[in-house]
N, C-alpha and C. Protein backbone atom coordinates (compact mmCIF):
# COMPACT_ATOMS: atom_id res chain seq x y z
N UNK A 1 0.63 -1.17 -0.08
CA UNK A 1 0.01 0.03 0.11
C UNK A 1 1.03 1.16 0.06
N UNK A 2 0.53 2.25 -0.64
CA UNK A 2 1.13 3.36 -0.50
C UNK A 2 1.27 4.13 0.73
N UNK A 3 2.40 4.54 1.05
CA UNK A 3 2.37 5.61 2.43
C UNK A 3 1.30 6.49 2.23
N UNK A 4 0.61 6.53 3.47
CA UNK A 4 -0.40 7.82 3.51
C UNK A 4 0.24 8.59 4.91
N UNK A 5 0.78 9.98 4.52
CA UNK A 5 1.47 10.56 5.44
C UNK A 5 0.39 11.34 6.25
N UNK A 6 0.85 11.34 7.43
CA UNK A 6 -0.12 12.39 8.28
C UNK A 6 -1.46 11.74 8.55
N UNK A 7 -1.73 10.22 8.67
CA UNK A 7 -2.81 9.82 9.07
C UNK A 7 -3.31 10.04 10.23
N UNK A 8 -4.57 10.55 10.13
CA UNK A 8 -5.01 10.70 11.69
C UNK A 8 -6.17 9.70 12.03
N UNK A 9 -6.18 9.35 13.01
CA UNK A 9 -7.32 8.34 13.78
C UNK A 9 -8.28 8.95 14.62
N UNK A 10 -9.60 8.92 14.24
CA UNK A 10 -10.50 9.66 14.94
C UNK A 10 -10.78 8.85 16.28
N UNK A 11 -11.36 9.57 17.20
CA UNK A 11 -11.64 8.84 18.59
C UNK A 11 -12.64 7.76 18.21
N UNK A 12 -13.54 8.17 17.39
CA UNK A 12 -14.86 7.32 17.02
C UNK A 12 -14.08 6.01 16.22
N UNK A 13 -13.22 6.14 15.39
CA UNK A 13 -12.50 4.80 14.90
C UNK A 13 -11.80 4.28 15.90
N UNK A 14 -11.18 4.73 17.01
CA UNK A 14 -10.63 4.15 17.78
C UNK A 14 -11.66 3.15 18.60
N UNK A 15 -12.57 4.11 19.24
CA UNK A 15 -14.02 3.34 19.94
C UNK A 15 -14.24 2.03 18.91
N UNK A 16 -14.71 2.16 17.89
CA UNK A 16 -15.33 1.10 17.01
C UNK A 16 -14.31 -0.07 16.92
N UNK A 17 -13.10 0.22 16.86
CA UNK A 17 -12.21 -0.74 17.01
C UNK A 17 -12.12 -1.76 18.06
N UNK A 18 -12.29 -0.86 19.36
CA UNK A 18 -12.35 -1.51 20.96
C UNK A 18 -13.52 -2.41 20.85
N UNK A 19 -14.82 -1.72 20.37
CA UNK A 19 -15.82 -2.53 20.56
C UNK A 19 -16.17 -3.82 19.43
N UNK A 20 -15.71 -3.41 18.38
CA UNK A 20 -16.00 -4.53 17.39
C UNK A 20 -14.89 -5.26 16.96
N UNK A 21 -13.52 -4.90 17.29
CA UNK A 21 -12.40 -5.99 16.87
C UNK A 21 -11.73 -6.53 18.36
N UNK A 22 -11.28 -5.54 18.96
CA UNK A 22 -10.51 -6.20 20.12
C UNK A 22 -10.52 -5.10 21.24
N UNK A 23 -11.29 -5.56 22.69
CA UNK A 23 -11.17 -4.67 23.94
C UNK A 23 -9.61 -4.18 24.11
N UNK A 24 -9.35 -2.90 24.20
CA UNK A 24 -7.70 -2.74 24.62
C UNK A 24 -7.87 -1.08 24.81
N UNK A 25 -6.64 -0.45 25.35
CA UNK A 25 -6.74 0.92 25.66
C UNK A 25 -6.49 1.52 24.47
N UNK A 26 -6.99 2.88 24.50
CA UNK A 26 -6.88 3.60 23.40
C UNK A 26 -5.57 3.91 22.60
N UNK A 27 -4.47 3.85 23.24
CA UNK A 27 -3.14 4.12 22.55
C UNK A 27 -2.72 2.46 21.72
N UNK A 28 -3.22 1.55 22.30
CA UNK A 28 -2.99 0.33 21.77
C UNK A 28 -3.88 0.26 20.68
N UNK A 29 -5.01 0.49 20.68
CA UNK A 29 -5.80 0.19 19.61
C UNK A 29 -5.46 1.13 18.47
N UNK A 30 -5.19 2.36 18.70
CA UNK A 30 -4.61 3.34 17.51
C UNK A 30 -3.34 2.83 17.05
N UNK A 31 -2.28 2.15 17.65
CA UNK A 31 -1.23 1.69 17.44
C UNK A 31 -1.77 0.24 15.93
N UNK A 32 -2.60 -0.22 16.83
CA UNK A 32 -3.01 -1.61 15.86
C UNK A 32 -3.76 -1.04 14.47
N UNK A 33 -4.49 0.06 14.54
CA UNK A 33 -5.23 0.41 13.34
C UNK A 33 -4.00 0.97 12.40
N UNK A 34 -3.22 1.62 12.79
CA UNK A 34 -2.17 2.34 11.89
C UNK A 34 -1.48 1.25 11.52
N UNK A 35 -1.08 0.51 12.26
CA UNK A 35 -0.18 -0.69 11.68
C UNK A 35 -0.72 -1.55 10.92
N UNK A 36 -2.17 -2.09 11.19
CA UNK A 36 -2.89 -2.49 10.10
C UNK A 36 -2.89 -1.99 8.80
N UNK A 37 -3.10 -0.75 8.74
CA UNK A 37 -3.43 0.29 7.58
C UNK A 37 -2.15 0.16 6.89
N UNK A 38 -1.07 0.30 7.42
CA UNK A 38 0.23 0.51 6.68
C UNK A 38 0.56 -1.02 6.19
N UNK A 39 0.41 -2.18 6.56
CA UNK A 39 0.51 -3.37 6.10
C UNK A 39 -0.43 -3.81 5.16
N UNK A 40 -1.36 -3.13 4.98
CA UNK A 40 -2.65 -3.60 4.02
C UNK A 40 -2.37 -3.65 2.67
N UNK A 41 -2.51 -4.40 1.64
CA UNK A 41 -2.28 -4.37 0.16
C UNK A 41 -3.76 -4.40 -0.24
N UNK A 42 -4.84 -4.57 0.35
CA UNK A 42 -6.41 -4.21 -0.20
C UNK A 42 -6.76 -3.06 0.08
N UNK A 43 -6.46 -2.01 -0.84
CA UNK A 43 -6.96 -0.63 -0.90
C UNK A 43 -7.96 -0.29 -1.87
N UNK A 44 -9.16 0.04 -1.68
CA UNK A 44 -10.26 0.45 -2.83
C UNK A 44 -10.48 2.07 -2.49
N UNK A 45 -10.61 2.62 -3.87
CA UNK A 45 -11.34 3.90 -3.74
C UNK A 45 -12.81 3.59 -4.04
N UNK A 46 -13.55 4.04 -2.85
CA UNK A 46 -15.07 3.80 -3.03
C UNK A 46 -15.73 4.81 -4.38
N UNK A 47 -16.71 4.40 -4.84
CA UNK A 47 -17.42 5.48 -5.95
C UNK A 47 -17.56 6.91 -5.73
N UNK A 48 -17.31 7.18 -4.21
CA UNK A 48 -17.88 8.88 -4.07
C UNK A 48 -16.38 9.23 -4.16
N UNK A 49 -15.43 8.55 -4.70
CA UNK A 49 -14.12 9.17 -5.30
C UNK A 49 -13.28 9.89 -3.91
N UNK A 50 -14.05 9.99 -2.71
CA UNK A 50 -13.33 10.58 -1.59
C UNK A 50 -12.88 9.44 -0.36
N UNK A 51 -13.26 8.26 -0.70
CA UNK A 51 -13.13 7.30 0.66
C UNK A 51 -12.37 6.34 0.18
N UNK A 52 -11.24 5.92 0.90
CA UNK A 52 -10.54 4.89 0.82
C UNK A 52 -10.92 3.79 1.72
N UNK A 53 -11.45 2.46 1.32
CA UNK A 53 -11.55 1.23 2.00
C UNK A 53 -10.18 0.23 2.08
N UNK A 54 -9.88 0.17 3.34
CA UNK A 54 -8.53 -0.64 3.51
C UNK A 54 -8.93 -1.70 4.29
N UNK A 55 -8.58 -2.90 3.64
CA UNK A 55 -9.01 -4.23 4.25
C UNK A 55 -7.54 -4.91 4.77
N UNK A 56 -7.47 -5.16 6.19
CA UNK A 56 -6.61 -6.05 6.72
C UNK A 56 -6.68 -7.50 6.39
N UNK A 57 -5.84 -8.25 6.41
CA UNK A 57 -5.78 -9.78 6.34
C UNK A 57 -4.71 -10.39 6.99
N UNK A 58 -5.05 -11.58 7.49
CA UNK A 58 -4.05 -12.45 7.91
C UNK A 58 -2.53 -12.54 7.14
N UNK A 59 -1.50 -12.60 7.70
CA UNK A 59 -1.18 -12.84 9.20
C UNK A 59 -1.48 -11.56 10.12
N UNK A 60 -1.91 -10.30 9.59
CA UNK A 60 -2.02 -9.62 10.88
C UNK A 60 -3.00 -10.12 11.75
N UNK A 61 -2.73 -9.55 13.02
CA UNK A 61 -3.61 -10.17 14.08
C UNK A 61 -5.09 -10.07 14.18
N UNK A 62 -5.34 -8.94 13.55
CA UNK A 62 -6.72 -8.50 13.46
C UNK A 62 -7.26 -8.27 12.20
N UNK A 63 -8.43 -8.77 11.78
CA UNK A 63 -9.21 -8.47 10.15
C UNK A 63 -10.05 -7.48 10.53
N UNK A 64 -9.91 -6.33 9.82
CA UNK A 64 -10.89 -5.36 10.08
C UNK A 64 -10.69 -4.65 8.67
N UNK A 65 -11.69 -3.82 8.35
CA UNK A 65 -11.86 -2.82 7.19
C UNK A 65 -11.83 -1.34 7.68
N UNK A 66 -10.84 -0.49 7.45
CA UNK A 66 -10.69 0.98 7.86
C UNK A 66 -11.29 1.87 6.67
N UNK A 67 -12.26 2.73 7.15
CA UNK A 67 -12.63 3.68 6.04
C UNK A 67 -11.89 5.13 6.44
N UNK A 68 -11.08 5.74 5.22
CA UNK A 68 -10.46 6.81 5.25
C UNK A 68 -11.05 7.81 4.46
N UNK A 69 -11.31 9.14 4.91
CA UNK A 69 -11.64 10.29 3.95
C UNK A 69 -10.77 11.09 4.19
N UNK A 70 -10.55 11.90 2.87
CA UNK A 70 -9.77 12.82 2.96
C UNK A 70 -10.32 14.02 3.48
N UNK A 71 -9.73 14.80 4.55
CA UNK A 71 -10.17 15.95 5.22
C UNK A 71 -9.34 17.12 4.63
N UNK A 72 -10.15 17.91 3.87
CA UNK A 72 -9.56 19.33 2.93
C UNK A 72 -9.08 20.14 4.23
N UNK A 73 -9.51 20.35 5.47
CA UNK A 73 -9.23 21.18 6.31
C UNK A 73 -7.85 20.80 6.79
N UNK A 74 -7.57 19.33 7.04
CA UNK A 74 -6.41 19.06 7.62
C UNK A 74 -5.54 18.93 6.69
N UNK A 75 -5.82 18.65 5.33
CA UNK A 75 -5.06 18.37 4.39
C UNK A 75 -4.29 17.13 4.46
N UNK A 76 -4.89 15.91 4.79
CA UNK A 76 -4.56 14.42 4.76
C UNK A 76 -5.64 13.54 5.07
N UNK A 77 -5.56 12.38 4.88
CA UNK A 77 -6.69 11.27 5.15
C UNK A 77 -6.80 11.33 6.69
N UNK A 78 -8.22 10.61 7.08
CA UNK A 78 -8.47 10.57 8.22
C UNK A 78 -9.41 9.21 8.48
N UNK A 79 -8.98 8.30 9.36
CA UNK A 79 -9.47 7.25 9.45
C UNK A 79 -10.93 7.61 10.42
N UNK A 80 -12.09 7.26 9.83
CA UNK A 80 -13.21 7.67 10.29
C UNK A 80 -13.86 6.61 11.05
N UNK A 81 -13.89 5.36 10.63
CA UNK A 81 -14.31 4.09 11.37
C UNK A 81 -13.80 3.14 11.04
N UNK A 82 -14.02 2.05 11.70
CA UNK A 82 -13.50 0.70 11.57
C UNK A 82 -14.83 -0.41 11.80
N UNK A 83 -14.79 -1.27 10.78
CA UNK A 83 -15.57 -2.24 10.93
C UNK A 83 -15.26 -3.80 10.87
N UNK A 84 -15.79 -4.85 11.15
CA UNK A 84 -15.11 -6.14 11.19
C UNK A 84 -14.76 -6.56 9.89
N UNK A 85 -13.67 -7.15 9.57
CA UNK A 85 -13.14 -7.76 8.19
C UNK A 85 -13.95 -8.71 7.77
N UNK A 86 -13.99 -9.81 8.43
CA UNK A 86 -14.80 -11.20 7.89
C UNK A 86 -14.56 -11.31 6.25
N UNK A 87 -13.56 -11.60 5.96
CA UNK A 87 -13.13 -11.73 4.61
C UNK A 87 -14.12 -13.03 4.20
N UNK A 88 -14.28 -14.04 4.86
CA UNK A 88 -15.34 -15.13 4.44
C UNK A 88 -16.61 -15.08 4.39
N UNK A 89 -17.07 -13.98 4.75
CA UNK A 89 -18.65 -13.85 4.90
C UNK A 89 -19.21 -14.15 3.43
N UNK A 90 -18.77 -13.48 2.28
CA UNK A 90 -19.08 -13.56 1.18
C UNK A 90 -19.33 -15.06 0.68
N UNK A 91 -18.13 -15.78 1.18
CA UNK A 91 -17.89 -17.39 0.63
C UNK A 91 -19.16 -18.25 1.18
N UNK A 92 -19.20 -17.62 2.67
CA UNK A 92 -20.46 -18.44 3.25
C UNK A 92 -21.71 -18.30 2.85
N UNK A 93 -22.19 -17.14 2.49
CA UNK A 93 -23.43 -16.75 1.76
C UNK A 93 -23.67 -17.62 0.53
N UNK A 94 -22.51 -17.57 -0.34
CA UNK A 94 -22.66 -18.35 -1.47
C UNK A 94 -22.62 -19.78 -1.29
N UNK A 95 -22.15 -20.22 -0.30
CA UNK A 95 -22.10 -21.82 0.18
C UNK A 95 -23.69 -22.13 0.67
N UNK A 96 -24.20 -21.42 1.50
CA UNK A 96 -25.46 -21.40 1.86
C UNK A 96 -26.40 -21.52 0.72
N UNK A 97 -26.33 -20.39 -0.29
CA UNK A 97 -27.20 -20.29 -1.30
C UNK A 97 -27.09 -21.62 -2.34
N UNK A 98 -25.72 -22.25 -2.61
CA UNK A 98 -25.56 -23.37 -3.12
C UNK A 98 -26.16 -24.72 -2.55
N UNK A 99 -26.19 -24.49 -1.32
CA UNK A 99 -26.49 -25.75 -0.58
C UNK A 99 -28.21 -25.90 -0.78
N UNK A 100 -28.78 -24.34 -0.63
CA UNK A 100 -30.30 -24.53 -0.63
C UNK A 100 -30.68 -25.02 -2.04
N UNK A 101 -29.90 -24.47 -3.25
CA UNK A 101 -30.28 -24.78 -4.39
C UNK A 101 -30.20 -26.18 -4.73
N UNK A 102 -29.04 -26.80 -4.07
CA UNK A 102 -29.02 -28.31 -4.18
C UNK A 102 -30.21 -28.89 -3.67
N UNK A 103 -30.66 -28.57 -2.51
CA UNK A 103 -31.90 -29.28 -1.75
C UNK A 103 -33.09 -28.77 -2.49
N UNK A 104 -33.10 -28.13 -3.51
CA UNK A 104 -34.19 -27.74 -4.27
C UNK A 104 -35.09 -26.74 -3.60
N UNK A 105 -34.44 -26.00 -2.43
CA UNK A 105 -35.10 -24.82 -1.85
C UNK A 105 -34.91 -23.74 -2.55
N UNK A 106 -35.68 -22.48 -2.32
CA UNK A 106 -35.18 -21.18 -2.97
C UNK A 106 -35.17 -20.33 -2.20
N UNK A 107 -34.26 -19.42 -2.23
CA UNK A 107 -33.94 -18.21 -1.14
C UNK A 107 -35.06 -17.43 -1.12
N UNK A 108 -35.35 -17.30 0.37
CA UNK A 108 -36.61 -16.38 0.68
C UNK A 108 -36.40 -14.91 0.31
N UNK A 109 -37.40 -14.39 -0.40
CA UNK A 109 -37.26 -13.01 -0.83
C UNK A 109 -38.17 -12.24 -0.31
N UNK A 110 -37.93 -10.73 0.35
CA UNK A 110 -38.95 -10.10 0.84
C UNK A 110 -39.98 -9.56 -0.39
N UNK A 111 -41.18 -9.36 -0.02
CA UNK A 111 -41.97 -8.97 -1.02
C UNK A 111 -42.41 -7.51 -0.46
């Protein structure tokens, strides 16, 4: 991943990491967020053109997605929130759908 200079981690992002990923003190959570972002290779620019979605993967100890927005006032990117990574969630949904199809069941659709 390209180096992002002056990356700021918001208190909200730290709180979300502590609640959703791993309970630990603020400075340690901030350290893991920054370390994970700098080691990540899965970086995607979202359709709004201003938000980066950065996904960490194993062997990094925590899988999460960090959302970073460029803050014009600060002049650099800001980590706004952290969500659980769960990289296998899409595969699990596909397997369940395939199993239902194999058993002759149709997926329930809300009307």
